[in-house]
PDB file of N, CA and C in Angstrom:
ATOM      1  N   UNK A   1      46.514   2.882  18.525  1.00  0.00           N
ATOM      2  CA  UNK A   1      45.435   3.623  18.171  1.00  0.00           C
ATOM      3  C   UNK A   1      44.429   3.511  19.042  1.00  0.00           C
ATOM      4  N   UNK A   2      43.702   4.318  19.616  1.00  0.00           N
ATOM      5  CA  UNK A   2      42.686   3.857  21.083  1.00  0.00           C
ATOM      6  C   UNK A   2      41.488   3.811  19.824  1.00  0.00           C
ATOM      7  N   UNK A   3      40.909   3.022  20.282  1.00  0.00           N
ATOM      8  CA  UNK A   3      39.458   2.564  19.891  1.00  0.00           C
ATOM      9  C   UNK A   3      38.800   3.380  20.036  1.00  0.00           C
ATOM     10  N   UNK A   4      37.717   3.634  19.127  1.00  0.00           N
ATOM     11  CA  UNK A   4      36.462   4.861  19.047  1.00  0.00           C
ATOM     12  C   UNK A   4      35.904   4.392  20.533  1.00  0.00           C
ATOM     13  N   UNK A   5      35.563   6.125  21.296  1.00  0.00           N
ATOM     14  CA  UNK A   5      34.819   5.649  22.496  1.00  0.00           C
ATOM     15  C   UNK A   5      33.343   6.263  22.167  1.00  0.00           C
ATOM     16  N   UNK A   6      32.032   5.430  22.205  1.00  0.00           N
ATOM     17  CA  UNK A   6      30.746   5.995  21.760  1.00  0.00           C
ATOM     18  C   UNK A   6      30.230   6.594  23.335  1.00  0.00           C
ATOM     19  N   UNK A   7      29.591   7.657  22.990  1.00  0.00           N
ATOM     20  CA  UNK A   7      29.140   8.053  24.314  1.00  0.00           C
ATOM     21  C   UNK A   7      27.524   7.876  24.278  1.00  0.00           C
ATOM     22  N   UNK A   8      27.173   7.384  25.280  1.00  0.00           N
ATOM     23  CA  UNK A   8      25.748   7.100  25.676  1.00  0.00           C
ATOM     24  C   UNK A   8      25.462   8.188  26.427  1.00  0.00           C
ATOM     25  N   UNK A   9      24.689   8.949  26.387  1.00  0.00           N
ATOM     26  CA  UNK A   9      23.987  10.262  27.524  1.00  0.00           C
ATOM     27  C   UNK A   9      22.127   9.709  27.887  1.00  0.00           C
ATOM     28  N   UNK A  10      21.999   9.276  28.979  1.00  0.00           N
ATOM     29  CA  UNK A  10      20.600   8.576  29.370  1.00  0.00           C
ATOM     30  C   UNK A  10      20.106   9.463  30.256  1.00  0.00           C
ATOM     31  N   UNK A  11      18.800  10.188  30.078  1.00  0.00           N
ATOM     32  CA  UNK A  11      17.976  11.167  30.651  1.00  0.00           C
ATOM     33  C   UNK A  11      16.715  10.660  30.704  1.00  0.00           C
ATOM     34  N   UNK A  12      15.955  10.935  32.167  1.00  0.00           N
ATOM     35  CA  UNK A  12      14.822  10.555  32.257  1.00  0.00           C
ATOM     36  C   UNK A  12      14.238  11.948  32.615  1.00  0.00           C
ATOM     37  N   UNK A  13      12.521  11.838  32.749  1.00  0.00           N
ATOM     38  CA  UNK A  13      11.842  12.712  32.849  1.00  0.00           C
ATOM     39  C   UNK A  13      12.361  13.160  34.518  1.00  0.00           C
ATOM     40  N   UNK A  14      12.731  12.251  35.146  1.00  0.00           N
ATOM     41  CA  UNK A  14      12.810  12.452  36.787  1.00  0.00           C
ATOM     42  C   UNK A  14      13.905  13.465  36.751  1.00  0.00           C
ATOM     43  N   UNK A  15      13.990  14.804  36.976  1.00  0.00           N
ATOM     44  CA  UNK A  15      15.069  15.561  36.969  1.00  0.00           C
ATOM     45  C   UNK A  15      16.357  15.162  37.907  1.00  0.00           C
ATOM     46  N   UNK A  16      15.587  14.174  39.117  1.00  0.00           N
ATOM     47  CA  UNK A  16      17.075  14.449  40.046  1.00  0.00           C
ATOM     48  C   UNK A  16      17.748  12.896  39.526  1.00  0.00           C
ATOM     49  N   UNK A  17      17.024  12.186  38.374  1.00  0.00           N
ATOM     50  CA  UNK A  17      18.076  11.001  38.013  1.00  0.00           C
ATOM     51  C   UNK A  17      18.835  11.424  36.661  1.00  0.00           C
ATOM     52  N   UNK A  18      19.904  11.613  36.417  1.00  0.00           N
ATOM     53  CA  UNK A  18      20.914  11.789  35.500  1.00  0.00           C
ATOM     54  C   UNK A  18      21.804  10.982  35.423  1.00  0.00           C
ATOM     55  N   UNK A  19      22.178  10.486  34.317  1.00  0.00           N
ATOM     56  CA  UNK A  19      23.318   9.688  34.157  1.00  0.00           C
ATOM     57  C   UNK A  19      24.127   9.188  33.030  1.00  0.00           C
ATOM     58  N   UNK A  20      25.314   9.684  33.294  1.00  0.00           N
ATOM     59  CA  UNK A  20      25.977   9.930  31.725  1.00  0.00           C
ATOM     60  C   UNK A  20      26.962   8.480  31.684  1.00  0.00           C
ATOM     61  N   UNK A  21      26.874   7.564  30.847  1.00  0.00           N
ATOM     62  CA  UNK A  21      27.937   6.249  30.801  1.00  0.00           C
ATOM     63  C   UNK A  21      28.660   6.117  29.590  1.00  0.00           C
ATOM     64  N   UNK A  22      29.778   5.911  29.950  1.00  0.00           N
ATOM     65  CA  UNK A  22      30.681   5.350  28.311  1.00  0.00           C
ATOM     66  C   UNK A  22      30.815   4.131  28.471  1.00  0.00           C
ATOM     67  N   UNK A  23      30.251   3.642  27.026  1.00  0.00           N
ATOM     68  CA  UNK A  23      30.332   2.207  26.690  1.00  0.00           C
ATOM     69  C   UNK A  23      30.960   2.040  25.528  1.00  0.00           C
ATOM     70  N   UNK A  24      31.962   0.811  25.826  1.00  0.00           N
ATOM     71  CA  UNK A  24      32.897   0.779  24.608  1.00  0.00           C
ATOM     72  C   UNK A  24      32.407  -0.424  23.598  1.00  0.00           C
ATOM     73  N   UNK A  25      31.024  -0.743  23.973  1.00  0.00           N
ATOM     74  CA  UNK A  25      30.289  -1.939  22.706  1.00  0.00           C
ATOM     75  C   UNK A  25      29.516  -1.102  21.849  1.00  0.00           C
ATOM     76  N   UNK A  26      29.808  -1.710  20.976  1.00  0.00           N
ATOM     77  CA  UNK A  26      29.098  -0.842  19.757  1.00  0.00           C
ATOM     78  C   UNK A  26      27.560  -1.046  19.433  1.00  0.00           C
ATOM     79  N   UNK A  27      27.047  -1.817  20.331  1.00  0.00           N
ATOM     80  CA  UNK A  27      25.409  -2.268  20.071  1.00  0.00           C
ATOM     81  C   UNK A  27      24.479  -0.979  20.820  1.00  0.00           C
ATOM     82  N   UNK A  28      23.740  -0.623  19.634  1.00  0.00           N
ATOM     83  CA  UNK A  28      22.865   0.298  20.188  1.00  0.00           C
ATOM     84  C   UNK A  28      22.118  -0.374  21.822  1.00  0.00           C
ATOM     85  N   UNK A  29      21.689  -1.096  21.901  1.00  0.00           N
ATOM     86  CA  UNK A  29      20.767  -1.679  22.499  1.00  0.00           C
ATOM     87  C   UNK A  29      21.429  -1.613  24.203  1.00  0.00           C
ATOM     88  N   UNK A  30      22.811  -1.467  24.212  1.00  0.00           N
ATOM     89  CA  UNK A  30      23.496  -1.355  25.482  1.00  0.00           C
ATOM     90  C   UNK A  30      22.910  -0.382  26.088  1.00  0.00           C
ATOM     91  N   UNK A  31      22.597   0.952  25.513  1.00  0.00           N
ATOM     92  CA  UNK A  31      22.302   2.042  26.128  1.00  0.00           C
ATOM     93  C   UNK A  31      21.151   1.714  26.925  1.00  0.00           C
ATOM     94  N   UNK A  32      19.979   1.072  26.414  1.00  0.00           N
ATOM     95  CA  UNK A  32      19.050   0.597  27.017  1.00  0.00           C
ATOM     96  C   UNK A  32      19.074  -0.169  28.086  1.00  0.00           C
ATOM     97  N   UNK A  33      20.161  -1.198  27.984  1.00  0.00           N
ATOM     98  CA  UNK A  33      20.371  -2.243  28.998  1.00  0.00           C
ATOM     99  C   UNK A  33      21.110  -1.482  30.067  1.00  0.00           C
ATOM    100  N   UNK A  34      21.890  -0.401  29.553  1.00  0.00           N
ATOM    101  CA  UNK A  34      22.621   0.153  31.151  1.00  0.00           C
ATOM    102  C   UNK A  34      21.784   0.934  31.801  1.00  0.00           C
ATOM    103  N   UNK A  35      20.819   1.177  31.365  1.00  0.00           N
ATOM    104  CA  UNK A  35      19.506   2.493  32.017  1.00  0.00           C
ATOM    105  C   UNK A  35      19.163   1.185  32.840  1.00  0.00           C
ATOM    106  N   UNK A  36      18.444   0.080  32.612  1.00  0.00           N
ATOM    107  CA  UNK A  36      17.930  -0.403  33.027  1.00  0.00           C
ATOM    108  C   UNK A  36      18.678  -1.284  34.295  1.00  0.00           C
ATOM    109  N   UNK A  37      20.089  -1.256  33.830  1.00  0.00           N
ATOM    110  CA  UNK A  37      21.087  -1.948  35.018  1.00  0.00           C
ATOM    111  C   UNK A  37      21.110  -0.979  36.052  1.00  0.00           C
ATOM    112  N   UNK A  38      21.123   0.413  35.970  1.00  0.00           N
ATOM    113  CA  UNK A  38      21.606   1.280  37.012  1.00  0.00           C
ATOM    114  C   UNK A  38      20.170   1.840  37.268  1.00  0.00           C
ATOM    115  N   UNK A  39      18.732   1.110  37.263  1.00  0.00           N
ATOM    116  CA  UNK A  39      18.061   1.305  37.980  1.00  0.00           C
ATOM    117  C   UNK A  39      16.882   2.324  37.440  1.00  0.00           C
ATOM    118  N   UNK A  40      17.434   3.174  36.100  1.00  0.00           N
ATOM    119  CA  UNK A  40      16.270   3.737  35.590  1.00  0.00           C
ATOM    120  C   UNK A  40      15.121   3.321  34.677  1.00  0.00           C
ATOM    121  N   UNK A  41      13.808   3.674  34.923  1.00  0.00           N
ATOM    122  CA  UNK A  41      12.718   3.095  34.322  1.00  0.00           C
ATOM    123  C   UNK A  41      12.748   3.233  32.841  1.00  0.00           C
ATOM    124  N   UNK A  42      13.114   2.578  31.853  1.00  0.00           N
ATOM    125  CA  UNK A  42      13.146   2.616  30.728  1.00  0.00           C
ATOM    126  C   UNK A  42      12.054   3.249  29.845  1.00  0.00           C
ATOM    127  N   UNK A  43      10.789   2.839  30.406  1.00  0.00           N
ATOM    128  CA  UNK A  43       9.560   3.572  29.782  1.00  0.00           C
ATOM    129  C   UNK A  43       9.483   5.260  29.825  1.00  0.00           C
ATOM    130  N   UNK A  44      10.257   5.861  31.154  1.00  0.00           N
ATOM    131  CA  UNK A  44      10.312   7.252  30.925  1.00  0.00           C
ATOM    132  C   UNK A  44      11.685   7.715  30.700  1.00  0.00           C
ATOM    133  N   UNK A  45      12.191   7.143  30.258  1.00  0.00           N
ATOM    134  CA  UNK A  45      13.675   7.371  29.615  1.00  0.00           C
ATOM    135  C   UNK A  45      14.036   7.708  28.160  1.00  0.00           C
ATOM    136  N   UNK A  46      14.881   8.757  27.724  1.00  0.00           N
ATOM    137  CA  UNK A  46      15.282   8.653  26.321  1.00  0.00           C
ATOM    138  C   UNK A  46      16.982   8.424  26.114  1.00  0.00           C
ATOM    139  N   UNK A  47      17.099   7.650  25.018  1.00  0.00           N
ATOM    140  CA  UNK A  47      18.511   7.223  25.065  1.00  0.00           C
ATOM    141  C   UNK A  47      19.296   7.739  24.004  1.00  0.00           C
ATOM    142  N   UNK A  48      20.121   9.124  23.959  1.00  0.00           N
ATOM    143  CA  UNK A  48      20.851   9.619  23.037  1.00  0.00           C
ATOM    144  C   UNK A  48      22.122   9.112  22.990  1.00  0.00           C
ATOM    145  N   UNK A  49      22.510   8.760  21.902  1.00  0.00           N
ATOM    146  CA  UNK A  49      23.867   8.053  21.290  1.00  0.00           C
ATOM    147  C   UNK A  49      24.614   8.982  20.598  1.00  0.00           C
ATOM    148  N   UNK A  50      25.966   9.256  20.823  1.00  0.00           N
ATOM    149  CA  UNK A  50      26.804  10.042  19.694  1.00  0.00           C
ATOM    150  C   UNK A  50      28.085   9.038  19.553  1.00  0.00           C
ATOM    151  N   UNK A  51      27.886   8.896  18.179  1.00  0.00           N
ATOM    152  CA  UNK A  51      29.389   8.018  17.529  1.00  0.00           C
ATOM    153  C   UNK A  51      29.899   8.874  16.647  1.00  0.00           C
ATOM    154  N   UNK A  52      31.240   9.135  16.585  1.00  0.00           N
ATOM    155  CA  UNK A  52      31.602   9.889  15.540  1.00  0.00           C
ATOM    156  C   UNK A  52      30.991  10.919  14.545  1.00  0.00           C
ATOM    157  N   UNK A  53      30.542  11.822  16.001  1.00  0.00           N
ATOM    158  CA  UNK A  53      29.856  12.969  15.788  1.00  0.00           C
ATOM    159  C   UNK A  53      28.406  12.994  15.385  1.00  0.00           C
ATOM    160  N   UNK A  54      28.086  11.747  15.089  1.00  0.00           N
ATOM    161  CA  UNK A  54      26.525  11.597  14.813  1.00  0.00           C
ATOM    162  C   UNK A  54      25.591  11.544  15.934  1.00  0.00           C
ATOM    163  N   UNK A  55      24.962  11.785  16.035  1.00  0.00           N
ATOM    164  CA  UNK A  55      23.928  11.566  17.046  1.00  0.00           C
ATOM    165  C   UNK A  55      22.545  10.709  16.689  1.00  0.00           C
ATOM    166  N   UNK A  56      22.114  10.094  17.766  1.00  0.00           N
ATOM    167  CA  UNK A  56      21.342   9.072  17.625  1.00  0.00           C
ATOM    168  C   UNK A  56      20.358   9.422  18.547  1.00  0.00           C
ATOM    169  N   UNK A  57      18.987   9.030  18.396  1.00  0.00           N
ATOM    170  CA  UNK A  57      18.104   8.801  19.592  1.00  0.00           C
ATOM    171  C   UNK A  57      16.974   7.786  19.655  1.00  0.00           C
ATOM    172  N   UNK A  58      16.416   7.074  20.760  1.00  0.00           N
ATOM    173  CA  UNK A  58      15.472   6.297  20.924  1.00  0.00           C
ATOM    174  C   UNK A  58      14.073   6.940  20.800  1.00  0.00           C
ATOM    175  N   UNK A  59      14.077   8.301  21.017  1.00  0.00           N
ATOM    176  CA  UNK A  59      12.941   9.268  21.198  1.00  0.00           C
ATOM    177  C   UNK A  59      13.207  10.658  19.719  1.00  0.00           C
ATOM    178  N   UNK A  60      12.329  10.664  19.323  1.00  0.00           N
ATOM    179  CA  UNK A  60      12.372  11.458  18.346  1.00  0.00           C
ATOM    180  C   UNK A  60      12.105  12.941  18.901  1.00  0.00           C
TER     181      UNK A  60
END
């Protein structure tokens, strides 16, 4: 059985900078860490998180 895959969609207010990252770790903070790691300014970015069909976001 394959492990569940969690999808983090990283969106910034810079229309030229979009990134979609598949992360297998279950911690929500990894989404923000990944934004930082690929050079997205987390102060101007949102992190939308989907797991098992349920969506979460760090910005409402």
